[in-house]
Amino acid sequence: MELVRAAKRGDLDAFDQLVQRNSGPILRIALHISRRREDAEEIAQETFLKAFKHLSSFQVRARFSTWLTRIAVNMAFVKVRGFRPERTVSISDDARDDELGSHPVDWRPNPEQLYSRLELRNILRKVLESLPLGYSTVFWLRIEGFSITETAEILGISEPAVKTRLLRARLQLRDGLSRYFGQEKTRPDMTLGADMSSLNGEETGTA
């Protein structure tokens, strides 16, 4: 937090270090929402400019990256034709988890853990981009390491809504991955049958 305090006092070098530390995650979330590199770069630039202008309003007790990401997400949603996350869902985000039913495929690593596997990353990215943006954005923020509470703060929704969207994102991701692996038995860089057999079992990950 020393860098943030220094930046709030007008230290430009400190703010530049904050930009360097956060530019990667901000660009990634902007790219995920906008799906266009040039738009993402513009969103990232505008995010840091807005953060600099409003730095005095930032409460140091909060996490700077959470505050910064909220700015980026809001700007990205505006960029994609006034999109709002709640428009991507057709049923209540506050539905109970047990109303969603069971799922036929149950792999040990949850989708966040699968994402860290380099050989599956491109596949999962494609499936992730096919999800409603309200679901995929929640999932992406969790990949970036934000907690349920921080994700709710960034998106301006309740924690139960975050948990419900995350669960639905996981289920839809598994549907998409199941269809992919049902069609593709092997790939040039790996044998899917052997690799996926190690993923069977009860899910151990948590939201």
N, C-alpha and C. Protein backbone atom coordinates (compact mmCIF):
# COMPACT_ATOMS: atom_id res chain seq x y z
N MET A 1 0.81 -1.21 0.00
CA MET A 1 0.00 0.00 0.00
C MET A 1 0.85 1.27 0.00
N GLU A 2 2.15 1.12 0.23
CA GLU A 2 2.99 2.31 0.26
C GLU A 2 3.00 3.02 -1.09
N LEU A 3 3.00 2.22 -2.17
CA LEU A 3 2.97 2.83 -3.51
C LEU A 3 1.68 3.61 -3.71
N VAL A 4 0.57 3.06 -3.24
CA VAL A 4 -0.72 3.73 -3.38
C VAL A 4 -0.72 5.04 -2.59
N ARG A 5 -0.23 4.97 -1.37
CA ARG A 5 -0.17 6.19 -0.54
C ARG A 5 0.72 7.25 -1.20
N ALA A 6 1.84 6.81 -1.75
CA ALA A 6 2.75 7.75 -2.42
C ALA A 6 2.08 8.35 -3.66
N ALA A 7 1.38 7.51 -4.41
CA ALA A 7 0.68 8.00 -5.61
C ALA A 7 -0.40 9.00 -5.23
N LYS A 8 -1.10 8.75 -4.13
CA LYS A 8 -2.14 9.68 -3.67
C LYS A 8 -1.53 11.03 -3.27
N ARG A 9 -0.26 11.00 -2.87
CA ARG A 9 0.42 12.25 -2.51
C ARG A 9 0.96 12.97 -3.74
N GLY A 10 0.78 12.37 -4.92
CA GLY A 10 1.22 13.01 -6.15
C GLY A 10 2.51 12.48 -6.72
N ASP A 11 2.99 11.36 -6.21
CA ASP A 11 4.23 10.75 -6.70
C ASP A 11 3.95 10.03 -8.01
N LEU A 12 4.38 10.61 -9.13
CA LEU A 12 4.11 10.03 -10.44
C LEU A 12 4.87 8.72 -10.67
N ASP A 13 6.07 8.62 -10.10
CA ASP A 13 6.83 7.37 -10.24
C ASP A 13 6.10 6.22 -9.55
N ALA A 14 5.50 6.51 -8.42
CA ALA A 14 4.75 5.48 -7.69
C ALA A 14 3.55 5.03 -8.50
N PHE A 15 2.86 5.99 -9.10
CA PHE A 15 1.69 5.62 -9.91
C PHE A 15 2.12 4.82 -11.13
N ASP A 16 3.26 5.19 -11.71
CA ASP A 16 3.76 4.45 -12.87
C ASP A 16 4.06 2.99 -12.49
N GLN A 17 4.57 2.77 -11.29
CA GLN A 17 4.82 1.40 -10.83
C GLN A 17 3.51 0.64 -10.64
N LEU A 18 2.48 1.33 -10.17
CA LEU A 18 1.17 0.70 -10.02
C LEU A 18 0.61 0.30 -11.39
N VAL A 19 0.82 1.16 -12.37
CA VAL A 19 0.37 0.85 -13.73
C VAL A 19 1.08 -0.40 -14.25
N GLN A 20 2.39 -0.45 -14.06
CA GLN A 20 3.15 -1.60 -14.54
C GLN A 20 2.72 -2.89 -13.86
N ARG A 21 2.42 -2.83 -12.58
CA ARG A 21 2.00 -4.02 -11.83
C ARG A 21 0.64 -4.53 -12.27
N ASN A 22 -0.23 -3.61 -12.66
CA ASN A 22 -1.62 -3.99 -12.93
C ASN A 22 -2.00 -4.00 -14.41
N SER A 23 -1.09 -3.61 -15.28
CA SER A 23 -1.44 -3.49 -16.70
C SER A 23 -1.83 -4.83 -17.32
N GLY A 24 -1.14 -5.91 -16.93
CA GLY A 24 -1.46 -7.23 -17.48
C GLY A 24 -2.87 -7.68 -17.16
N PRO A 25 -3.24 -7.76 -15.87
CA PRO A 25 -4.60 -8.18 -15.52
C PRO A 25 -5.68 -7.27 -16.09
N ILE A 26 -5.43 -5.96 -16.10
CA ILE A 26 -6.43 -5.03 -16.63
C ILE A 26 -6.63 -5.25 -18.12
N LEU A 27 -5.55 -5.45 -18.85
CA LEU A 27 -5.66 -5.70 -20.28
C LEU A 27 -6.38 -7.02 -20.55
N ARG A 28 -6.11 -8.04 -19.73
CA ARG A 28 -6.75 -9.34 -19.94
C ARG A 28 -8.26 -9.28 -19.73
N ILE A 29 -8.70 -8.63 -18.66
CA ILE A 29 -10.15 -8.57 -18.42
C ILE A 29 -10.82 -7.69 -19.47
N ALA A 30 -10.15 -6.63 -19.90
CA ALA A 30 -10.70 -5.77 -20.95
C ALA A 30 -10.81 -6.54 -22.26
N LEU A 31 -9.81 -7.36 -22.55
CA LEU A 31 -9.83 -8.15 -23.78
C LEU A 31 -10.91 -9.23 -23.71
N HIS A 32 -11.08 -9.81 -22.53
CA HIS A 32 -12.12 -10.84 -22.39
C HIS A 32 -13.50 -10.26 -22.67
N ILE A 33 -13.77 -9.06 -22.18
CA ILE A 33 -15.09 -8.46 -22.35
C ILE A 33 -15.27 -7.90 -23.75
N SER A 34 -14.26 -7.19 -24.25
CA SER A 34 -14.40 -6.52 -25.55
C SER A 34 -14.14 -7.45 -26.73
N ARG A 35 -13.28 -8.47 -26.52
CA ARG A 35 -12.90 -9.44 -27.55
C ARG A 35 -12.11 -8.81 -28.71
N ARG A 36 -11.69 -7.57 -28.55
CA ARG A 36 -10.90 -6.90 -29.58
C ARG A 36 -9.67 -6.28 -28.94
N ARG A 37 -8.50 -6.62 -29.49
CA ARG A 37 -7.25 -6.16 -28.89
C ARG A 37 -7.17 -4.64 -28.83
N GLU A 38 -7.54 -3.98 -29.93
CA GLU A 38 -7.43 -2.52 -29.94
C GLU A 38 -8.38 -1.88 -28.94
N ASP A 39 -9.58 -2.45 -28.80
CA ASP A 39 -10.53 -1.93 -27.81
C ASP A 39 -10.00 -2.16 -26.39
N ALA A 40 -9.42 -3.34 -26.17
CA ALA A 40 -8.90 -3.66 -24.85
C ALA A 40 -7.77 -2.71 -24.45
N GLU A 41 -6.90 -2.40 -25.39
CA GLU A 41 -5.80 -1.48 -25.10
C GLU A 41 -6.33 -0.08 -24.79
N GLU A 42 -7.37 0.32 -25.52
CA GLU A 42 -7.98 1.63 -25.26
C GLU A 42 -8.65 1.65 -23.89
N ILE A 43 -9.35 0.57 -23.56
CA ILE A 43 -10.01 0.47 -22.25
C ILE A 43 -8.98 0.53 -21.13
N ALA A 44 -7.87 -0.19 -21.30
CA ALA A 44 -6.82 -0.20 -20.28
C ALA A 44 -6.24 1.20 -20.08
N GLN A 45 -5.98 1.88 -21.19
CA GLN A 45 -5.42 3.23 -21.10
C GLN A 45 -6.40 4.17 -20.40
N GLU A 46 -7.67 4.09 -20.78
CA GLU A 46 -8.68 4.96 -20.17
C GLU A 46 -8.88 4.62 -18.70
N THR A 47 -8.72 3.35 -18.36
CA THR A 47 -8.85 2.93 -16.96
C THR A 47 -7.80 3.60 -16.09
N PHE A 48 -6.56 3.57 -16.54
CA PHE A 48 -5.48 4.17 -15.74
C PHE A 48 -5.60 5.69 -15.69
N LEU A 49 -6.07 6.30 -16.78
CA LEU A 49 -6.28 7.74 -16.76
C LEU A 49 -7.37 8.13 -15.76
N LYS A 50 -8.46 7.36 -15.77
CA LYS A 50 -9.55 7.64 -14.84
C LYS A 50 -9.12 7.38 -13.41
N ALA A 51 -8.35 6.31 -13.21
CA ALA A 51 -7.86 6.00 -11.87
C ALA A 51 -6.97 7.13 -11.35
N PHE A 52 -6.13 7.66 -12.22
CA PHE A 52 -5.24 8.75 -11.81
C PHE A 52 -6.04 9.99 -11.42
N LYS A 53 -7.07 10.29 -12.20
CA LYS A 53 -7.88 11.47 -11.93
C LYS A 53 -8.65 11.35 -10.62
N HIS A 54 -9.05 10.12 -10.29
CA HIS A 54 -9.89 9.91 -9.11
C HIS A 54 -9.14 9.20 -7.98
N LEU A 55 -7.83 9.25 -8.02
CA LEU A 55 -7.03 8.55 -7.03
C LEU A 55 -7.32 9.04 -5.61
N SER A 56 -7.66 10.29 -5.49
CA SER A 56 -7.92 10.85 -4.15
C SER A 56 -9.14 10.21 -3.50
N SER A 57 -10.04 9.64 -4.31
CA SER A 57 -11.25 9.02 -3.75
C SER A 57 -11.04 7.57 -3.34
N PHE A 58 -9.88 7.01 -3.68
CA PHE A 58 -9.61 5.62 -3.34
C PHE A 58 -9.33 5.48 -1.85
N GLN A 59 -10.01 4.53 -1.21
CA GLN A 59 -9.81 4.26 0.20
C GLN A 59 -8.70 3.23 0.36
N VAL A 60 -7.63 3.61 1.03
CA VAL A 60 -6.44 2.77 1.11
C VAL A 60 -6.71 1.43 1.80
N ARG A 61 -7.75 1.36 2.62
CA ARG A 61 -8.04 0.10 3.30
C ARG A 61 -8.53 -0.97 2.32
N ALA A 62 -8.97 -0.56 1.13
CA ALA A 62 -9.41 -1.51 0.11
C ALA A 62 -8.21 -1.96 -0.72
N ARG A 63 -8.41 -3.00 -1.55
CA ARG A 63 -7.33 -3.47 -2.42
C ARG A 63 -7.35 -2.65 -3.70
N PHE A 64 -6.20 -2.08 -4.05
CA PHE A 64 -6.12 -1.20 -5.21
C PHE A 64 -6.53 -1.93 -6.49
N SER A 65 -6.10 -3.17 -6.65
CA SER A 65 -6.41 -3.92 -7.87
C SER A 65 -7.91 -4.14 -8.02
N THR A 66 -8.63 -4.30 -6.91
CA THR A 66 -10.08 -4.47 -6.98
C THR A 66 -10.74 -3.19 -7.48
N TRP A 67 -10.33 -2.07 -6.92
CA TRP A 67 -10.86 -0.76 -7.33
C TRP A 67 -10.55 -0.50 -8.80
N LEU A 68 -9.33 -0.79 -9.20
CA LEU A 68 -8.91 -0.55 -10.58
C LEU A 68 -9.67 -1.45 -11.55
N THR A 69 -9.85 -2.71 -11.16
CA THR A 69 -10.56 -3.65 -12.04
C THR A 69 -12.02 -3.27 -12.19
N ARG A 70 -12.62 -2.74 -11.13
CA ARG A 70 -14.01 -2.30 -11.24
C ARG A 70 -14.13 -1.19 -12.28
N ILE A 71 -13.18 -0.26 -12.27
CA ILE A 71 -13.18 0.80 -13.28
C ILE A 71 -13.08 0.20 -14.68
N ALA A 72 -12.15 -0.75 -14.85
CA ALA A 72 -11.92 -1.37 -16.16
C ALA A 72 -13.15 -2.13 -16.64
N VAL A 73 -13.76 -2.90 -15.76
CA VAL A 73 -14.94 -3.68 -16.13
C VAL A 73 -16.09 -2.77 -16.54
N ASN A 74 -16.32 -1.72 -15.76
CA ASN A 74 -17.39 -0.78 -16.10
C ASN A 74 -17.15 -0.12 -17.46
N MET A 75 -15.91 0.27 -17.71
CA MET A 75 -15.60 0.91 -18.98
C MET A 75 -15.71 -0.07 -20.13
N ALA A 76 -15.35 -1.32 -19.88
CA ALA A 76 -15.44 -2.34 -20.93
C ALA A 76 -16.89 -2.63 -21.28
N PHE A 77 -17.75 -2.70 -20.26
CA PHE A 77 -19.17 -2.94 -20.51
C PHE A 77 -19.79 -1.80 -21.32
N VAL A 78 -19.40 -0.58 -21.00
CA VAL A 78 -19.89 0.57 -21.76
C VAL A 78 -19.40 0.50 -23.20
N LYS A 79 -18.17 0.04 -23.36
CA LYS A 79 -17.58 -0.05 -24.70
C LYS A 79 -18.35 -1.00 -25.59
N VAL A 80 -18.83 -2.10 -25.03
CA VAL A 80 -19.55 -3.07 -25.85
C VAL A 80 -21.04 -2.71 -25.88
N ARG A 81 -21.30 -1.54 -26.42
CA ARG A 81 -22.66 -1.07 -26.71
C ARG A 81 -23.57 -1.02 -25.48
N GLY A 82 -23.06 -0.49 -24.41
CA GLY A 82 -23.89 -0.30 -23.23
C GLY A 82 -24.31 -1.58 -22.57
N PHE A 83 -23.53 -2.65 -22.75
CA PHE A 83 -23.86 -3.94 -22.16
C PHE A 83 -23.92 -3.85 -20.65
N ARG A 84 -24.87 -4.60 -20.05
CA ARG A 84 -24.92 -4.76 -18.61
C ARG A 84 -24.95 -6.25 -18.30
N PRO A 85 -24.17 -6.71 -17.31
CA PRO A 85 -24.06 -8.15 -17.03
C PRO A 85 -25.39 -8.85 -16.82
N GLU A 86 -26.36 -8.17 -16.16
CA GLU A 86 -27.60 -8.85 -15.84
C GLU A 86 -28.42 -9.19 -17.08
N ARG A 87 -28.12 -8.58 -18.21
CA ARG A 87 -28.87 -8.87 -19.42
C ARG A 87 -28.51 -10.23 -20.02
N THR A 88 -27.46 -10.84 -19.53
CA THR A 88 -27.01 -12.09 -20.13
C THR A 88 -27.68 -13.30 -19.50
N VAL A 89 -28.47 -13.11 -18.45
CA VAL A 89 -29.08 -14.24 -17.77
C VAL A 89 -30.58 -14.20 -17.96
N SER A 90 -31.18 -15.37 -18.13
CA SER A 90 -32.61 -15.44 -18.36
C SER A 90 -33.37 -15.95 -17.15
N ILE A 91 -32.62 -16.42 -16.13
CA ILE A 91 -33.25 -16.88 -14.90
C ILE A 91 -32.57 -16.20 -13.73
N SER A 92 -33.22 -16.21 -12.59
CA SER A 92 -32.74 -15.45 -11.44
C SER A 92 -31.36 -15.89 -11.00
N ASP A 93 -30.48 -14.90 -10.73
CA ASP A 93 -29.16 -15.20 -10.21
C ASP A 93 -29.23 -15.67 -8.76
N ASP A 94 -30.36 -15.46 -8.12
CA ASP A 94 -30.48 -15.83 -6.71
C ASP A 94 -31.10 -17.21 -6.53
N ALA A 95 -31.24 -17.98 -7.62
CA ALA A 95 -31.78 -19.33 -7.51
C ALA A 95 -30.86 -20.18 -6.65
N ARG A 96 -31.45 -21.12 -5.91
CA ARG A 96 -30.65 -22.00 -5.07
C ARG A 96 -29.85 -22.94 -5.93
N ASP A 97 -28.66 -23.33 -5.42
CA ASP A 97 -27.80 -24.23 -6.16
C ASP A 97 -28.50 -25.55 -6.46
N ASP A 98 -29.37 -26.03 -5.52
CA ASP A 98 -29.99 -27.33 -5.74
C ASP A 98 -31.06 -27.29 -6.81
N GLU A 99 -31.44 -26.07 -7.25
CA GLU A 99 -32.41 -25.95 -8.32
C GLU A 99 -31.77 -26.19 -9.68
N LEU A 100 -30.45 -26.19 -9.72
CA LEU A 100 -29.76 -26.33 -10.99
C LEU A 100 -29.60 -27.78 -11.41
N GLY A 101 -29.88 -28.70 -10.51
CA GLY A 101 -29.82 -30.11 -10.87
C GLY A 101 -28.41 -30.65 -10.88
N SER A 102 -28.30 -31.94 -11.17
CA SER A 102 -26.99 -32.58 -11.22
C SER A 102 -26.43 -32.51 -12.61
N HIS A 103 -25.16 -32.84 -12.73
CA HIS A 103 -24.49 -32.79 -14.02
C HIS A 103 -23.83 -34.13 -14.28
N PRO A 104 -23.94 -34.67 -15.50
CA PRO A 104 -23.45 -36.02 -15.77
C PRO A 104 -21.94 -36.17 -15.74
N VAL A 105 -21.20 -35.09 -16.00
CA VAL A 105 -19.74 -35.19 -16.01
C VAL A 105 -19.19 -34.56 -14.75
N ASP A 106 -18.31 -35.25 -14.05
CA ASP A 106 -17.78 -34.74 -12.80
C ASP A 106 -16.28 -35.00 -12.75
N TRP A 107 -15.47 -34.01 -13.14
CA TRP A 107 -14.02 -34.15 -13.16
C TRP A 107 -13.45 -33.60 -11.87
N ARG A 108 -12.36 -34.18 -11.41
CA ARG A 108 -11.79 -33.74 -10.14
C ARG A 108 -11.39 -32.26 -10.15
N PRO A 109 -10.55 -31.78 -11.07
CA PRO A 109 -10.25 -30.34 -11.04
C PRO A 109 -11.47 -29.55 -11.50
N ASN A 110 -11.77 -28.43 -10.82
CA ASN A 110 -12.84 -27.59 -11.31
C ASN A 110 -12.31 -26.78 -12.49
N PRO A 111 -13.16 -26.04 -13.23
CA PRO A 111 -12.69 -25.34 -14.42
C PRO A 111 -11.54 -24.37 -14.18
N GLU A 112 -11.51 -23.70 -13.00
CA GLU A 112 -10.39 -22.82 -12.72
C GLU A 112 -9.07 -23.59 -12.72
N GLN A 113 -9.10 -24.79 -12.13
CA GLN A 113 -7.89 -25.60 -12.09
C GLN A 113 -7.53 -26.12 -13.48
N LEU A 114 -8.55 -26.47 -14.25
CA LEU A 114 -8.29 -26.92 -15.62
C LEU A 114 -7.63 -25.81 -16.43
N TYR A 115 -8.02 -24.57 -16.16
CA TYR A 115 -7.50 -23.46 -16.94
C TYR A 115 -5.99 -23.33 -16.79
N SER A 116 -5.47 -23.75 -15.64
CA SER A 116 -4.04 -23.64 -15.41
C SER A 116 -3.25 -24.70 -16.18
N ARG A 117 -3.93 -25.68 -16.74
CA ARG A 117 -3.24 -26.71 -17.51
C ARG A 117 -3.01 -26.19 -18.92
N LEU A 118 -1.75 -26.01 -19.26
CA LEU A 118 -1.40 -25.37 -20.52
C LEU A 118 -2.03 -26.06 -21.72
N GLU A 119 -2.08 -27.40 -21.70
CA GLU A 119 -2.57 -28.13 -22.86
C GLU A 119 -4.07 -27.98 -23.07
N LEU A 120 -4.79 -27.53 -22.03
CA LEU A 120 -6.24 -27.35 -22.15
C LEU A 120 -6.65 -25.89 -22.26
N ARG A 121 -5.68 -24.99 -22.12
CA ARG A 121 -6.03 -23.57 -22.00
C ARG A 121 -6.73 -23.03 -23.24
N ASN A 122 -6.22 -23.34 -24.41
CA ASN A 122 -6.83 -22.82 -25.63
C ASN A 122 -8.24 -23.37 -25.83
N ILE A 123 -8.42 -24.65 -25.50
CA ILE A 123 -9.75 -25.25 -25.63
C ILE A 123 -10.72 -24.56 -24.68
N LEU A 124 -10.31 -24.40 -23.43
CA LEU A 124 -11.19 -23.80 -22.44
C LEU A 124 -11.49 -22.35 -22.76
N ARG A 125 -10.50 -21.64 -23.32
CA ARG A 125 -10.73 -20.25 -23.68
C ARG A 125 -11.83 -20.13 -24.73
N LYS A 126 -11.81 -21.03 -25.71
CA LYS A 126 -12.84 -21.00 -26.75
C LYS A 126 -14.22 -21.28 -26.17
N VAL A 127 -14.29 -22.27 -25.27
CA VAL A 127 -15.57 -22.59 -24.65
C VAL A 127 -16.02 -21.44 -23.76
N LEU A 128 -15.07 -20.85 -23.02
CA LEU A 128 -15.39 -19.73 -22.13
C LEU A 128 -15.98 -18.56 -22.90
N GLU A 129 -15.45 -18.29 -24.08
CA GLU A 129 -15.94 -17.16 -24.88
C GLU A 129 -17.34 -17.40 -25.43
N SER A 130 -17.79 -18.65 -25.40
CA SER A 130 -19.14 -18.96 -25.88
C SER A 130 -20.20 -18.76 -24.80
N LEU A 131 -19.77 -18.55 -23.56
CA LEU A 131 -20.71 -18.36 -22.45
C LEU A 131 -21.31 -16.96 -22.47
N PRO A 132 -22.49 -16.78 -21.86
CA PRO A 132 -23.00 -15.42 -21.65
C PRO A 132 -21.96 -14.59 -20.91
N LEU A 133 -21.80 -13.34 -21.29
CA LEU A 133 -20.73 -12.52 -20.74
C LEU A 133 -20.85 -12.34 -19.23
N GLY A 134 -22.07 -12.32 -18.73
CA GLY A 134 -22.25 -12.18 -17.29
C GLY A 134 -21.67 -13.34 -16.51
N TYR A 135 -21.74 -14.54 -17.09
CA TYR A 135 -21.17 -15.73 -16.44
C TYR A 135 -19.66 -15.78 -16.63
N SER A 136 -19.22 -15.56 -17.86
CA SER A 136 -17.80 -15.71 -18.16
C SER A 136 -16.96 -14.65 -17.45
N THR A 137 -17.52 -13.46 -17.24
CA THR A 137 -16.78 -12.41 -16.55
C THR A 137 -16.55 -12.77 -15.09
N VAL A 138 -17.56 -13.33 -14.44
CA VAL A 138 -17.39 -13.81 -13.07
C VAL A 138 -16.30 -14.87 -13.01
N PHE A 139 -16.36 -15.81 -13.93
CA PHE A 139 -15.36 -16.88 -13.97
C PHE A 139 -13.97 -16.31 -14.19
N TRP A 140 -13.86 -15.35 -15.11
CA TRP A 140 -12.56 -14.76 -15.43
C TRP A 140 -11.97 -14.03 -14.22
N LEU A 141 -12.81 -13.30 -13.50
CA LEU A 141 -12.33 -12.59 -12.32
C LEU A 141 -11.82 -13.57 -11.26
N ARG A 142 -12.47 -14.73 -11.15
CA ARG A 142 -12.00 -15.74 -10.21
C ARG A 142 -10.66 -16.31 -10.66
N ILE A 143 -10.49 -16.48 -11.98
CA ILE A 143 -9.20 -16.93 -12.50
C ILE A 143 -8.10 -15.94 -12.13
N GLU A 144 -8.45 -14.65 -12.17
CA GLU A 144 -7.47 -13.61 -11.86
C GLU A 144 -7.18 -13.50 -10.37
N GLY A 145 -7.87 -14.29 -9.56
CA GLY A 145 -7.56 -14.35 -8.14
C GLY A 145 -8.43 -13.51 -7.23
N PHE A 146 -9.50 -12.93 -7.77
CA PHE A 146 -10.39 -12.14 -6.92
C PHE A 146 -11.32 -13.05 -6.13
N SER A 147 -11.58 -12.68 -4.90
CA SER A 147 -12.47 -13.46 -4.05
C SER A 147 -13.92 -13.25 -4.47
N ILE A 148 -14.82 -14.03 -3.87
CA ILE A 148 -16.25 -13.85 -4.13
C ILE A 148 -16.67 -12.43 -3.76
N THR A 149 -16.21 -11.97 -2.60
CA THR A 149 -16.56 -10.63 -2.14
C THR A 149 -16.03 -9.56 -3.09
N GLU A 150 -14.78 -9.71 -3.52
CA GLU A 150 -14.19 -8.73 -4.44
C GLU A 150 -14.88 -8.76 -5.80
N THR A 151 -15.21 -9.96 -6.27
CA THR A 151 -15.91 -10.07 -7.55
C THR A 151 -17.27 -9.39 -7.49
N ALA A 152 -17.97 -9.57 -6.38
CA ALA A 152 -19.26 -8.91 -6.20
C ALA A 152 -19.09 -7.39 -6.20
N GLU A 153 -18.04 -6.92 -5.55
CA GLU A 153 -17.78 -5.48 -5.50
C GLU A 153 -17.46 -4.93 -6.88
N ILE A 154 -16.64 -5.66 -7.63
CA ILE A 154 -16.25 -5.22 -8.97
C ILE A 154 -17.46 -5.11 -9.89
N LEU A 155 -18.35 -6.10 -9.82
CA LEU A 155 -19.50 -6.15 -10.73
C LEU A 155 -20.73 -5.43 -10.20
N GLY A 156 -20.70 -5.05 -8.92
CA GLY A 156 -21.83 -4.36 -8.34
C GLY A 156 -23.04 -5.26 -8.16
N ILE A 157 -22.80 -6.54 -7.85
CA ILE A 157 -23.88 -7.49 -7.61
C ILE A 157 -23.67 -8.15 -6.25
N SER A 158 -24.65 -8.94 -5.81
CA SER A 158 -24.54 -9.58 -4.51
C SER A 158 -23.60 -10.78 -4.56
N GLU A 159 -23.11 -11.18 -3.39
CA GLU A 159 -22.26 -12.37 -3.32
C GLU A 159 -23.03 -13.63 -3.73
N PRO A 160 -24.31 -13.81 -3.31
CA PRO A 160 -25.05 -14.98 -3.80
C PRO A 160 -25.17 -15.00 -5.32
N ALA A 161 -25.32 -13.82 -5.93
CA ALA A 161 -25.40 -13.77 -7.39
C ALA A 161 -24.09 -14.19 -8.02
N VAL A 162 -22.97 -13.78 -7.42
CA VAL A 162 -21.66 -14.20 -7.92
C VAL A 162 -21.53 -15.72 -7.85
N LYS A 163 -21.91 -16.30 -6.72
CA LYS A 163 -21.80 -17.75 -6.55
C LYS A 163 -22.67 -18.50 -7.55
N THR A 164 -23.87 -17.98 -7.79
CA THR A 164 -24.77 -18.64 -8.73
C THR A 164 -24.24 -18.54 -10.15
N ARG A 165 -23.76 -17.36 -10.54
CA ARG A 165 -23.20 -17.21 -11.88
C ARG A 165 -21.96 -18.07 -12.06
N LEU A 166 -21.15 -18.16 -11.01
CA LEU A 166 -19.95 -18.99 -11.09
C LEU A 166 -20.31 -20.45 -11.27
N LEU A 167 -21.31 -20.91 -10.53
CA LEU A 167 -21.74 -22.30 -10.66
C LEU A 167 -22.27 -22.57 -12.06
N ARG A 168 -23.08 -21.67 -12.57
CA ARG A 168 -23.64 -21.87 -13.92
C ARG A 168 -22.55 -21.81 -14.98
N ALA A 169 -21.57 -20.93 -14.76
CA ALA A 169 -20.44 -20.88 -15.70
C ALA A 169 -19.70 -22.21 -15.71
N ARG A 170 -19.48 -22.79 -14.53
CA ARG A 170 -18.78 -24.07 -14.44
C ARG A 170 -19.56 -25.17 -15.16
N LEU A 171 -20.87 -25.20 -14.92
CA LEU A 171 -21.69 -26.24 -15.56
C LEU A 171 -21.69 -26.10 -17.07
N GLN A 172 -21.82 -24.86 -17.56
CA GLN A 172 -21.82 -24.65 -19.00
C GLN A 172 -20.44 -24.93 -19.61
N LEU A 173 -19.39 -24.60 -18.87
CA LEU A 173 -18.05 -24.92 -19.34
C LEU A 173 -17.87 -26.43 -19.46
N ARG A 174 -18.36 -27.16 -18.49
CA ARG A 174 -18.24 -28.61 -18.53
C ARG A 174 -19.06 -29.20 -19.67
N ASP A 175 -20.22 -28.61 -19.92
CA ASP A 175 -21.00 -29.05 -21.08
C ASP A 175 -20.19 -28.88 -22.36
N GLY A 176 -19.60 -27.68 -22.50
CA GLY A 176 -18.83 -27.40 -23.70
C GLY A 176 -17.61 -28.29 -23.83
N LEU A 177 -16.91 -28.51 -22.72
CA LEU A 177 -15.74 -29.37 -22.74
C LEU A 177 -16.12 -30.82 -23.00
N SER A 178 -17.26 -31.23 -22.46
CA SER A 178 -17.72 -32.61 -22.68
C SER A 178 -18.01 -32.83 -24.16
N ARG A 179 -18.64 -31.84 -24.79
CA ARG A 179 -18.93 -31.97 -26.22
C ARG A 179 -17.64 -32.02 -27.02
N TYR A 180 -16.67 -31.19 -26.63
CA TYR A 180 -15.40 -31.17 -27.35
C TYR A 180 -14.69 -32.51 -27.23
N PHE A 181 -14.57 -33.01 -26.01
CA PHE A 181 -13.84 -34.25 -25.80
C PHE A 181 -14.62 -35.46 -26.30
N GLY A 182 -15.92 -35.29 -26.46
CA GLY A 182 -16.71 -36.37 -27.03
C GLY A 182 -16.48 -36.51 -28.52
N GLN A 183 -16.04 -35.39 -29.16
CA GLN A 183 -15.81 -35.40 -30.60
C GLN A 183 -14.35 -35.62 -30.95
N GLU A 184 -13.45 -35.11 -30.08
CA GLU A 184 -12.01 -35.19 -30.36
C GLU A 184 -11.37 -36.22 -29.44
N LYS A 185 -10.96 -37.35 -29.99
CA LYS A 185 -10.35 -38.40 -29.17
C LYS A 185 -8.88 -38.11 -28.90
N THR A 186 -8.19 -37.54 -29.87
CA THR A 186 -6.78 -37.25 -29.68
C THR A 186 -6.45 -35.90 -30.29
N ARG A 187 -5.33 -35.33 -29.85
CA ARG A 187 -4.79 -34.12 -30.43
C ARG A 187 -3.32 -34.34 -30.67
N PRO A 188 -2.69 -33.53 -31.54
CA PRO A 188 -1.28 -33.75 -31.85
C PRO A 188 -0.37 -33.74 -30.64
N ASP A 189 -0.70 -32.93 -29.59
CA ASP A 189 0.22 -32.77 -28.48
C ASP A 189 -0.15 -33.58 -27.25
N MET A 190 -1.24 -34.37 -27.31
CA MET A 190 -1.63 -35.11 -26.13
C MET A 190 -2.62 -36.19 -26.49
N THR A 191 -2.74 -37.22 -25.66
CA THR A 191 -3.77 -38.24 -25.81
C THR A 191 -4.86 -37.94 -24.81
N LEU A 192 -6.02 -37.50 -25.30
CA LEU A 192 -7.06 -37.04 -24.41
C LEU A 192 -7.62 -38.16 -23.55
N GLY A 193 -7.73 -39.36 -24.10
CA GLY A 193 -8.30 -40.45 -23.33
C GLY A 193 -7.54 -40.68 -22.05
N ALA A 194 -6.21 -40.78 -22.15
CA ALA A 194 -5.40 -41.03 -20.97
C ALA A 194 -5.40 -39.83 -20.05
N ASP A 195 -5.35 -38.62 -20.63
CA ASP A 195 -5.28 -37.42 -19.80
C ASP A 195 -6.58 -37.21 -19.04
N MET A 196 -7.72 -37.38 -19.71
CA MET A 196 -8.99 -37.12 -19.07
C MET A 196 -9.36 -38.19 -18.06
N SER A 197 -8.82 -39.40 -18.20
CA SER A 197 -9.16 -40.45 -17.25
C SER A 197 -8.70 -40.10 -15.85
N SER A 198 -7.67 -39.26 -15.75
CA SER A 198 -7.15 -38.87 -14.43
C SER A 198 -7.99 -37.77 -13.80
N LEU A 199 -8.96 -37.23 -14.54
CA LEU A 199 -9.77 -36.13 -14.03
C LEU A 199 -11.10 -36.61 -13.47
N ASN A 200 -11.41 -37.90 -13.55
CA ASN A 200 -12.67 -38.41 -13.04
C ASN A 200 -12.67 -38.40 -11.52
N GLY A 201 -13.84 -38.20 -10.94
CA GLY A 201 -13.96 -38.23 -9.49
C GLY A 201 -14.76 -37.07 -8.98
N GLU A 202 -14.84 -36.94 -7.67
CA GLU A 202 -15.63 -35.87 -7.07
C GLU A 202 -14.89 -34.56 -7.17
N GLU A 203 -15.63 -33.48 -7.40
CA GLU A 203 -15.04 -32.15 -7.47
C GLU A 203 -14.61 -31.71 -6.09
N THR A 204 -13.37 -31.20 -6.02
CA THR A 204 -12.86 -30.76 -4.72
C THR A 204 -12.72 -29.26 -4.63
N GLY A 205 -12.81 -28.54 -5.75
CA GLY A 205 -12.65 -27.10 -5.72
C GLY A 205 -13.84 -26.42 -5.10
N THR A 206 -13.62 -25.21 -4.59
CA THR A 206 -14.70 -24.42 -4.02
C THR A 206 -14.72 -23.06 -4.65
N ALA A 207 -15.86 -22.38 -4.52
CA ALA A 207 -15.97 -21.03 -5.06
C ALA A 207 -15.21 -20.06 -4.18
